[in-house]
Amino acid sequence: MRTEQLTAIALEKVNFDKYLLANAVGKRAEAIANGAEILLDFDTSGMKYADIALQEIAEGKMSVSLEG
């Protein structure tokens, strides 16, 4: 799936808050880079960490919420 389509789906998951989505993708990508388990059910060896994080959010594999 194209990045634009994934982004549109992921934005729906965060009530169209693009700043929340960007923050969530950044934090998740950093966690993956530091060894966190990838939640996707396919080979991600050629993907960037941010793309993996975006895919996880779009597929609902992880939830995103405001803290604080």
C-alpha atoms as a PDB file:
ATOM      1  CA  MET A   1       0.000   0.000   0.000  1.00  0.00           C
ATOM      2  CA  ARG A   2       1.266   3.480  -0.788  1.00  0.00           C
ATOM      3  CA  THR A   3       2.447   5.780   1.984  1.00  0.00           C
ATOM      4  CA  GLU A   4      -0.311   8.302   1.230  1.00  0.00           C
ATOM      5  CA  GLN A   5      -2.980   5.634   1.671  1.00  0.00           C
ATOM      6  CA  LEU A   6      -1.399   4.367   4.891  1.00  0.00           C
ATOM      7  CA  THR A   7      -1.194   7.890   6.241  1.00  0.00           C
ATOM      8  CA  ALA A   8      -4.873   8.518   5.495  1.00  0.00           C
ATOM      9  CA  ILE A   9      -5.865   5.319   7.301  1.00  0.00           C
ATOM     10  CA  ALA A  10      -3.567   6.060  10.241  1.00  0.00           C
ATOM     11  CA  LEU A  11      -4.959   9.598  10.503  1.00  0.00           C
ATOM     12  CA  GLU A  12      -8.441   8.136  10.951  1.00  0.00           C
ATOM     13  CA  LYS A  13      -7.119   6.124  13.908  1.00  0.00           C
ATOM     14  CA  VAL A  14      -5.971   9.337  15.661  1.00  0.00           C
ATOM     15  CA  ASN A  15      -9.043  11.448  14.855  1.00  0.00           C
ATOM     16  CA  PHE A  16      -7.196  13.265  12.055  1.00  0.00           C
ATOM     17  CA  ASP A  17      -4.651  14.828  14.433  1.00  0.00           C
ATOM     18  CA  LYS A  18      -1.567  14.956  12.223  1.00  0.00           C
ATOM     19  CA  TYR A  19       0.665  16.188  15.039  1.00  0.00           C
ATOM     20  CA  LEU A  20      -0.346  13.295  17.279  1.00  0.00           C
ATOM     21  CA  LEU A  21       0.293  10.871  14.423  1.00  0.00           C
ATOM     22  CA  ALA A  22       3.712  12.352  13.665  1.00  0.00           C
ATOM     23  CA  ASN A  23       4.681  12.144  17.338  1.00  0.00           C
ATOM     24  CA  ALA A  24       3.436   8.561  17.636  1.00  0.00           C
ATOM     25  CA  VAL A  25       5.253   7.439  14.495  1.00  0.00           C
ATOM     26  CA  GLY A  26       8.472   9.077  15.688  1.00  0.00           C
ATOM     27  CA  LYS A  27       8.329   7.494  19.127  1.00  0.00           C
ATOM     28  CA  ARG A  28       7.415   4.069  17.761  1.00  0.00           C
ATOM     29  CA  ALA A  29      10.135   4.235  15.097  1.00  0.00           C
ATOM     30  CA  GLU A  30      12.678   5.060  17.800  1.00  0.00           C
ATOM     31  CA  ALA A  31      11.450   2.147  19.897  1.00  0.00           C
ATOM     32  CA  ILE A  32      11.789  -0.211  16.925  1.00  0.00           C
ATOM     33  CA  ALA A  33      15.292   1.110  16.249  1.00  0.00           C
ATOM     34  CA  ASN A  34      16.156   0.339  19.870  1.00  0.00           C
ATOM     35  CA  GLY A  35      14.978  -3.267  19.564  1.00  0.00           C
ATOM     36  CA  ALA A  36      11.224  -3.227  20.217  1.00  0.00           C
ATOM     37  CA  GLU A  37       9.290  -6.126  18.726  1.00  0.00           C
ATOM     38  CA  ILE A  38       7.699  -5.406  15.353  1.00  0.00           C
ATOM     39  CA  LEU A  39       3.966  -6.109  15.417  1.00  0.00           C
ATOM     40  CA  LEU A  40       3.451  -6.748  11.701  1.00  0.00           C
ATOM     41  CA  ASP A  41       2.826 -10.216  10.259  1.00  0.00           C
ATOM     42  CA  PHE A  42       5.046  -9.914   7.185  1.00  0.00           C
ATOM     43  CA  ASP A  43       8.720  -9.441   6.320  1.00  0.00           C
ATOM     44  CA  THR A  44       9.763  -5.873   7.114  1.00  0.00           C
ATOM     45  CA  SER A  45      13.470  -6.258   6.381  1.00  0.00           C
ATOM     46  CA  GLY A  46      13.437  -3.695   3.550  1.00  0.00           C
ATOM     47  CA  MET A  47      11.292  -1.129   5.344  1.00  0.00           C
ATOM     48  CA  LYS A  48      12.310   2.000   7.236  1.00  0.00           C
ATOM     49  CA  TYR A  49      11.399   2.199  10.906  1.00  0.00           C
ATOM     50  CA  ALA A  50       8.967   5.076  10.354  1.00  0.00           C
ATOM     51  CA  ASP A  51       7.174   3.106   7.630  1.00  0.00           C
ATOM     52  CA  ILE A  52       6.843   0.128   9.947  1.00  0.00           C
ATOM     53  CA  ALA A  53       5.445   2.350  12.692  1.00  0.00           C
ATOM     54  CA  LEU A  54       2.960   3.961  10.310  1.00  0.00           C
ATOM     55  CA  GLN A  55       1.845   0.535   9.072  1.00  0.00           C
ATOM     56  CA  GLU A  56       1.352  -0.693  12.648  1.00  0.00           C
ATOM     57  CA  ILE A  57      -0.841   2.298  13.481  1.00  0.00           C
ATOM     58  CA  ALA A  58      -2.850   2.022  10.255  1.00  0.00           C
ATOM     59  CA  GLU A  59      -3.509  -1.674  10.893  1.00  0.00           C
ATOM     60  CA  GLY A  60      -4.576  -0.990  14.481  1.00  0.00           C
ATOM     61  CA  LYS A  61      -1.736  -3.094  15.897  1.00  0.00           C
ATOM     62  CA  MET A  62      -1.082  -0.347  18.427  1.00  0.00           C
ATOM     63  CA  SER A  63      -3.257   2.386  19.855  1.00  0.00           C
ATOM     64  CA  VAL A  64      -2.362   6.048  20.022  1.00  0.00           C
ATOM     65  CA  SER A  65      -3.720   8.379  22.664  1.00  0.00           C
ATOM     66  CA  LEU A  66      -2.956  11.686  24.304  1.00  0.00           C
ATOM     67  CA  GLU A  67      -1.128  11.425  27.611  1.00  0.00           C
ATOM     68  CA  GLY A  68      -0.965  14.011  30.217  1.00  0.00           C
END
